[in-house]
Protein backbone atom coordinates (compact mmCIF):
# COMPACT_ATOMS: atom_id res chain seq x y z
CA MET A 1 -73.71 110.05 -109.41
CA ILE A 2 -75.86 106.93 -109.72
CA THR A 3 -77.55 106.53 -113.12
CA GLN A 4 -80.31 104.21 -114.26
CA LYS A 5 -77.80 102.42 -116.50
CA ASN A 6 -75.44 101.70 -113.59
CA PHE A 7 -78.36 100.73 -111.35
CA ASN A 8 -79.49 98.14 -113.91
CA LYS A 9 -75.94 96.78 -114.04
CA TYR A 10 -75.81 96.43 -110.25
CA THR A 11 -79.17 94.62 -110.12
CA ASP A 12 -77.97 92.23 -112.83
CA ASN A 13 -74.80 91.57 -110.79
CA LEU A 14 -76.95 90.58 -107.82
CA LEU A 15 -79.16 88.35 -109.96
CA ASP A 16 -76.06 86.52 -111.20
CA PHE A 17 -74.68 86.16 -107.65
CA ASN A 18 -77.93 85.18 -105.93
CA LYS A 19 -79.25 81.65 -105.35
CA TYR A 20 -82.55 82.39 -103.55
CA PRO A 21 -85.95 82.63 -105.34
CA ALA A 22 -87.12 85.13 -102.69
CA VAL A 23 -84.25 87.48 -103.56
CA GLU A 24 -84.84 87.13 -107.29
CA TYR A 25 -88.49 87.94 -106.67
CA LYS A 26 -87.52 91.08 -104.73
CA ILE A 27 -85.16 92.23 -107.49
CA LEU A 28 -87.62 91.70 -110.34
CA LYS A 29 -90.61 93.15 -108.46
CA ASP A 30 -89.09 96.17 -106.71
CA PHE A 31 -85.96 96.98 -108.72
CA LYS A 32 -86.87 95.84 -112.25
CA ASN A 33 -90.53 96.89 -111.81
CA LEU A 34 -91.97 93.81 -113.49
CA ASP A 35 -95.76 93.86 -113.70
CA TYR A 36 -97.43 91.98 -110.84
CA ASN A 37 -99.02 89.56 -113.34
CA ASP A 38 -95.82 88.93 -115.30
CA GLU A 39 -95.54 85.15 -115.82
CA LYS A 40 -91.99 84.93 -114.46
CA LEU A 41 -92.95 86.91 -111.38
CA LYS A 42 -96.06 84.79 -110.82
CA LYS A 43 -93.93 81.64 -110.88
CA LEU A 44 -91.38 83.10 -108.48
CA ARG A 45 -94.15 84.33 -106.19
CA ILE A 46 -95.11 80.74 -105.41
CA GLU A 47 -91.59 80.03 -104.16
CA PHE A 48 -91.35 83.40 -102.40
CA LEU A 49 -94.58 82.89 -100.47
CA SER A 50 -93.42 79.45 -99.31
CA SER A 51 -89.98 80.73 -98.27
CA ASP A 52 -88.67 80.75 -94.72
CA ILE A 53 -88.64 84.56 -94.47
CA VAL A 54 -92.37 84.76 -95.25
CA ALA A 55 -93.14 81.84 -92.94
CA GLU A 56 -91.29 83.64 -90.14
CA MET A 57 -93.51 86.71 -90.47
CA ALA A 58 -96.64 84.56 -90.29
CA GLU A 59 -95.34 82.60 -87.29
CA CYS A 60 -94.47 85.78 -85.35
CA GLN A 61 -97.84 87.41 -86.09
CA ASP A 62 -100.74 87.04 -83.67
CA TYR A 63 -104.39 86.49 -84.63
CA ASP A 64 -105.32 90.16 -85.18
CA GLY A 65 -102.20 90.96 -87.17
CA HIS A 66 -99.83 92.32 -84.54
CA TRP A 67 -96.16 91.73 -84.02
CA GLY A 68 -96.03 92.91 -80.41
CA PRO A 69 -96.59 96.56 -79.35
CA PHE A 70 -97.34 98.89 -82.22
CA PHE A 71 -94.63 101.55 -81.84
CA SER A 72 -92.89 101.24 -78.51
CA LYS A 73 -90.64 98.20 -78.04
CA ASP A 74 -90.97 96.10 -74.90
CA TYR A 75 -87.31 95.75 -73.90
CA SER A 76 -88.12 92.97 -71.42
CA LYS A 77 -88.83 90.67 -74.38
CA LYS A 78 -86.47 89.35 -77.05
CA ASP A 79 -88.89 89.27 -79.94
CA LYS A 80 -87.58 88.74 -83.47
CA ILE A 81 -89.91 91.50 -84.63
CA PRO A 82 -89.89 94.11 -81.83
CA THR A 83 -92.94 96.15 -82.87
CA THR A 84 -95.85 95.92 -85.28
CA SER A 85 -94.65 98.94 -87.28
CA VAL A 86 -91.31 97.14 -87.79
CA GLY A 87 -93.22 94.00 -88.80
CA ILE A 88 -95.09 95.95 -91.48
CA GLU A 89 -91.86 97.53 -92.71
CA ARG A 90 -90.17 94.13 -92.90
CA CYS A 91 -93.05 92.56 -94.86
CA LEU A 92 -92.93 95.33 -97.44
CA TYR A 93 -89.13 95.29 -97.57
CA ILE A 94 -88.94 91.60 -98.47
CA GLY A 95 -91.58 92.11 -101.19
CA LEU A 96 -94.93 91.13 -99.63
CA SER A 97 -98.08 92.97 -100.64
CA LYS A 98 -101.60 93.02 -99.21
CA VAL A 99 -102.98 90.84 -102.01
CA ASP A 100 -100.39 88.05 -101.64
CA ASN A 101 -101.75 86.42 -98.47
CA ASP A 102 -103.37 87.28 -95.13
CA ILE A 103 -100.27 88.70 -93.43
CA LEU A 104 -100.62 92.34 -94.49
CA PHE A 105 -104.34 92.10 -95.24
CA VAL A 106 -105.17 91.33 -91.59
CA ILE A 107 -103.04 94.10 -90.09
CA ASN A 108 -104.31 96.60 -92.69
CA ASP A 109 -107.89 95.78 -91.68
CA TRP A 110 -107.02 96.32 -88.01
CA LEU A 111 -105.27 99.62 -88.79
CA GLU A 112 -108.31 100.92 -90.67
CA ASN A 113 -110.60 100.05 -87.74
CA VAL A 114 -108.33 101.85 -85.28
CA PHE A 115 -107.99 104.83 -87.58
CA ASP A 116 -111.80 105.07 -87.95
CA ASP A 117 -112.28 104.58 -84.17
CA LYS A 118 -114.25 101.40 -84.79
CA ILE A 119 -112.15 99.57 -82.23
CA ALA A 120 -110.46 100.95 -79.11
CA TYR A 121 -106.72 101.50 -79.03
CA ASP A 122 -104.77 102.36 -75.91
CA TYR A 123 -102.30 105.02 -77.06
CA TYR A 124 -99.08 104.65 -75.11
CA GLU A 125 -98.64 108.41 -74.76
CA LYS A 126 -101.65 110.49 -73.78
CA ASN A 127 -100.51 114.12 -74.05
CA GLU A 128 -102.16 116.09 -76.85
CA ARG A 129 -99.17 116.45 -79.17
CA ALA A 130 -98.20 112.77 -78.83
CA LEU A 131 -101.73 111.62 -79.60
CA HIS A 132 -101.65 113.42 -82.95
CA SER A 133 -98.18 112.10 -83.70
CA GLN A 134 -99.25 108.53 -82.99
CA ARG A 135 -102.30 108.94 -85.20
CA TYR A 136 -100.29 110.05 -88.21
CA ARG A 137 -97.95 107.13 -87.67
CA PHE A 138 -100.96 104.85 -88.13
CA ALA A 139 -101.60 106.76 -91.35
CA GLU A 140 -97.99 106.15 -92.46
CA CYS A 141 -98.45 102.41 -91.97
CA LEU A 142 -101.73 102.39 -93.89
CA GLU A 143 -100.19 104.40 -96.72
CA SER A 144 -97.18 102.08 -96.92
CA ILE A 145 -99.44 99.04 -97.32
CA THR A 146 -101.96 100.70 -99.66
CA PRO A 147 -100.53 103.78 -101.41
CA ASN A 148 -103.01 106.65 -101.85
CA THR A 149 -105.51 104.98 -99.57
CA GLU A 150 -108.56 107.23 -99.24
CA ILE A 151 -108.99 106.60 -95.53
CA ILE A 152 -106.13 108.95 -94.64
CA ASP A 153 -106.92 111.69 -97.19
CA SER A 154 -108.40 114.10 -94.67
CA LEU A 155 -105.52 113.74 -92.21
CA TYR A 156 -102.95 114.03 -94.98
CA ASP A 157 -104.54 117.21 -96.35
CA LYS A 158 -104.67 118.73 -92.86
CA TRP A 159 -100.96 118.16 -92.27
CA LEU A 160 -100.12 119.34 -95.78
CA TYR A 161 -101.85 122.62 -94.97
CA ILE A 162 -100.02 122.85 -91.62
CA ALA A 163 -96.68 122.32 -93.35
CA ASP A 164 -97.50 124.92 -95.99
CA GLU A 165 -98.32 127.46 -93.28
CA ALA A 166 -95.21 126.59 -91.26
CA PHE A 167 -92.98 127.25 -94.30
CA LYS A 168 -94.97 130.07 -95.94
CA SER A 169 -92.20 132.61 -95.31
CA GLY A 170 -89.74 130.47 -97.24
CA GLU A 171 -88.18 129.05 -94.09
CA TYR A 172 -89.58 127.10 -91.17
CA SER A 173 -91.39 129.23 -88.56
CA TYR A 174 -92.11 127.72 -85.15
CA ASP A 175 -94.71 130.40 -84.41
CA ASP A 176 -96.57 129.81 -87.67
CA ASP A 177 -96.44 126.06 -87.05
CA LYS A 178 -97.73 126.51 -83.52
CA ASN A 179 -100.57 128.80 -84.51
CA ILE A 180 -101.88 126.56 -87.27
CA GLN A 181 -101.51 123.40 -85.16
CA HIS A 182 -103.48 125.01 -82.34
CA GLN A 183 -106.13 126.08 -84.82
CA LEU A 184 -106.52 122.84 -86.80
CA LEU A 185 -105.62 120.24 -84.18
CA GLY A 186 -107.16 121.95 -81.17
CA THR A 187 -103.92 121.75 -79.21
CA HIS A 188 -102.77 124.25 -76.58
CA GLN A 189 -99.28 123.27 -75.46
CA GLN A 190 -96.10 125.07 -76.44
CA ARG A 191 -94.50 121.78 -77.50
CA LEU A 192 -95.75 120.85 -80.94
CA SER A 193 -96.51 117.58 -82.65
CA TYR A 194 -93.59 116.68 -84.88
CA MET A 195 -94.16 117.41 -88.54
CA PRO A 196 -95.08 114.11 -90.28
CA VAL A 197 -92.25 114.38 -92.80
CA LYS A 198 -92.39 110.73 -93.80
CA LEU A 199 -96.16 110.79 -94.37
CA LEU A 200 -96.03 113.99 -96.44
CA THR A 201 -93.23 112.70 -98.67
CA MET A 202 -94.95 109.35 -99.23
CA ARG A 203 -97.31 111.05 -101.69
CA LYS A 204 -94.79 112.86 -103.81
CA ASN A 205 -97.40 113.84 -106.38
CA ASN A 206 -99.46 115.58 -103.69
CA LEU A 207 -96.55 117.47 -102.14
CA PRO A 208 -95.88 120.65 -104.15
CA VAL A 209 -92.31 120.91 -105.41
CA GLU A 210 -91.81 124.28 -103.72
CA LEU A 211 -92.92 122.95 -100.34
CA ASN A 212 -90.85 119.78 -100.81
CA ASP A 213 -87.77 121.91 -101.45
CA LYS A 214 -88.38 124.11 -98.39
CA MET A 215 -88.80 121.06 -96.17
CA ARG A 216 -85.80 119.37 -97.77
CA ASP A 217 -83.61 122.37 -97.08
CA TYR A 218 -84.74 122.39 -93.45
CA TYR A 219 -85.04 118.74 -92.43
CA ALA A 220 -82.80 116.96 -94.94
CA LYS A 221 -80.03 119.53 -94.73
CA HIS A 222 -79.88 119.17 -90.95
CA ALA A 223 -79.82 115.37 -91.19
CA ALA A 224 -77.18 115.41 -93.93
CA GLU A 225 -74.89 117.68 -91.94
CA ASN A 226 -75.50 116.27 -88.45
CA GLY A 227 -76.77 112.74 -88.95
CA HIS A 228 -80.21 111.28 -88.23
CA PHE A 229 -80.69 109.15 -85.09
CA TRP A 230 -76.91 108.57 -84.89
CA ASP A 231 -74.18 111.07 -85.74
CA LYS A 232 -73.63 109.51 -89.17
CA ASN A 233 -73.79 112.39 -91.63
CA LEU A 234 -73.48 112.40 -95.42
CA TYR A 235 -70.09 114.07 -95.52
CA GLU A 236 -68.11 111.89 -93.11
CA PHE A 237 -68.05 108.23 -94.07
CA PRO A 238 -67.02 105.10 -92.18
CA GLU A 239 -63.25 104.65 -92.30
CA ASN A 240 -63.88 101.29 -93.95
CA PHE A 241 -67.17 100.19 -95.47
CA THR A 242 -66.68 96.77 -93.87
CA ASN A 243 -67.23 98.11 -90.39
CA PRO A 244 -69.54 96.93 -87.57
CA LYS A 245 -71.37 100.28 -87.49
CA THR A 246 -71.73 101.01 -91.21
CA SER A 247 -75.43 100.10 -91.20
CA ARG A 248 -76.15 103.00 -88.80
CA TRP A 249 -75.07 105.39 -91.52
CA PHE A 250 -78.03 104.26 -93.63
CA HIS A 251 -80.49 105.90 -91.22
CA THR A 252 -79.34 109.30 -92.46
CA LEU A 253 -79.28 108.21 -96.10
CA ASN A 254 -82.84 106.92 -95.90
CA TYR A 255 -84.12 110.02 -94.10
CA VAL A 256 -82.69 112.46 -96.66
CA ASN A 257 -83.79 110.11 -99.45
CA MET A 258 -87.48 110.63 -98.60
CA PHE A 259 -87.42 114.02 -100.34
CA ARG A 260 -87.30 114.85 -104.03
CA ASN A 261 -84.47 116.79 -105.66
CA THR A 262 -81.80 115.77 -103.16
CA GLU A 263 -78.77 115.62 -105.46
CA LYS A 264 -76.94 118.45 -103.67
CA TYR A 265 -77.15 116.59 -100.35
CA MET A 266 -76.65 113.02 -101.54
CA GLN A 267 -74.20 113.25 -104.43
CA THR A 268 -71.04 112.73 -102.37
CA ALA A 269 -72.57 109.87 -100.37
CA LEU A 270 -73.85 108.01 -103.44
CA GLU A 271 -70.55 108.43 -105.26
CA TRP A 272 -68.79 106.99 -102.21
CA LEU A 273 -71.22 104.05 -102.14
CA GLU A 274 -70.57 103.28 -105.79
CA ASN A 275 -66.84 103.16 -105.09
CA VAL A 276 -66.92 100.67 -102.20
CA GLN A 277 -68.09 97.58 -104.04
CA ASN A 278 -66.33 94.30 -103.30
CA SER A 279 -64.61 91.98 -105.76
CA ASP A 280 -68.01 90.67 -106.95
CA ASN A 281 -69.14 94.24 -107.72
CA LEU A 282 -71.59 93.99 -104.84
CA TRP A 283 -71.57 95.37 -101.29
CA ASP A 284 -70.68 93.84 -97.93
CA TYR A 285 -70.42 95.89 -94.75
CA GLY A 286 -69.53 92.87 -92.63
CA THR A 287 -71.07 91.67 -89.38
CA GLN A 288 -73.03 94.56 -87.89
CA THR A 289 -73.64 95.85 -84.38
CA LYS A 290 -77.17 94.98 -83.31
CA ASP A 291 -79.03 98.25 -82.97
CA PRO A 292 -81.68 98.94 -80.30
CA TRP A 293 -84.52 98.09 -82.71
CA GLY A 294 -82.87 94.96 -84.02
CA TYR A 295 -81.85 94.49 -87.61
CA PHE A 296 -84.62 93.25 -89.86
CA LYS A 297 -83.40 93.70 -93.46
CA TYR A 298 -82.33 90.12 -94.08
CA PHE A 299 -83.26 87.66 -96.84
CA SER A 300 -82.13 84.45 -95.18
CA LEU A 301 -82.58 83.15 -91.66
CA THR A 302 -78.88 82.21 -91.72
CA LYS A 303 -78.01 85.88 -92.06
CA ASN A 304 -74.57 85.62 -90.43
CA HIS A 305 -73.09 83.74 -93.36
CA LYS A 306 -70.88 85.95 -95.54
CA TYR A 307 -72.77 85.01 -98.72
CA ASN A 308 -76.08 86.08 -97.18
CA ARG A 309 -74.55 89.19 -95.69
CA ILE A 310 -73.49 90.33 -99.17
CA ILE A 311 -77.05 89.85 -100.44
CA ASN A 312 -78.53 91.72 -97.47
CA CYS A 313 -76.15 94.64 -97.80
CA THR A 314 -76.46 94.87 -101.58
CA ILE A 315 -80.24 94.97 -101.41
CA GLU A 316 -80.04 97.76 -98.85
CA VAL A 317 -77.70 99.76 -101.11
CA LEU A 318 -79.88 99.12 -104.17
CA THR A 319 -82.96 100.23 -102.21
CA VAL A 320 -81.25 103.57 -101.55
CA PHE A 321 -80.29 103.90 -105.22
CA LYS A 322 -83.80 103.02 -106.42
CA GLN A 323 -85.54 105.54 -104.19
CA TYR A 324 -83.04 108.21 -105.14
CA LEU A 325 -83.62 107.60 -108.86
CA ASP A 326 -87.41 107.66 -108.35
CA ASN A 327 -87.23 110.93 -106.38
CA ASN A 328 -84.79 112.68 -108.71
CA GLU A 329 -86.27 111.99 -112.10
CA LYS A 330 -85.03 114.36 -114.75
CA PRO A 331 -87.79 116.28 -116.58
């Protein structure tokens, strides 16, 4: 199982292999947890903010902060960043924060105005359950940019209460979920709004351990055994790590990895990951199939080069390891 000692060794391997200031910045900021005002990080930030990957995000962004439709991709267009939610995720993934420049600041301001109904937003689905689901996805984006942002406190607490009621028996109850959703959300349909699992797990200090474990054993167990989005589960691995569909397997890893105390579901997968390093003690899953949402976890615009591919893949693996270690801290 991955340990902090091994994780530090893997991040050092990538630092030795890497040639890009933007990648070094990502490693020191998000993996080594250097203080934002650390002198080395401040120096690297200048190069990071002038890099091509940051420039690309600014060039693709329109005047009010969008990168195209918010959630639903327009398949008639071939945009580099298919939706605004993907744009936000990419900015945070490469290491941007709201205080670095206007890129995330502008979209955060727009999100807050939509969330507070200060500006109109045309929700792409109008049925009652979908409206609530879309609203909590705005909250997820706000929380990802500004953790523990007060603007979503009320919505978060409401869904936390709904989840607690839905799992009060020890297991998930559709009827209990339905009754409390109808009561708190004012809905009437038999089909329910999906539980905002991602939003609830984003504030791990607010989510009681007992409720986390109940949700983990319902949602994460199903994903681990059956796969999430694709049929890539945590017990059947790609025949070879260097495979054009290996990246699809990470959807399940990342879904299960949202919860705390996931060792029993992730142990085999993480052990397998640690054993498929290449000759540089890094990771390379090869050229990947382009998925429906595009593939946005790259750190160079020449992402097809093998050298860059190794960096991209290794950062993705290290991101999994880092979140796992954060969510499975030993008392």
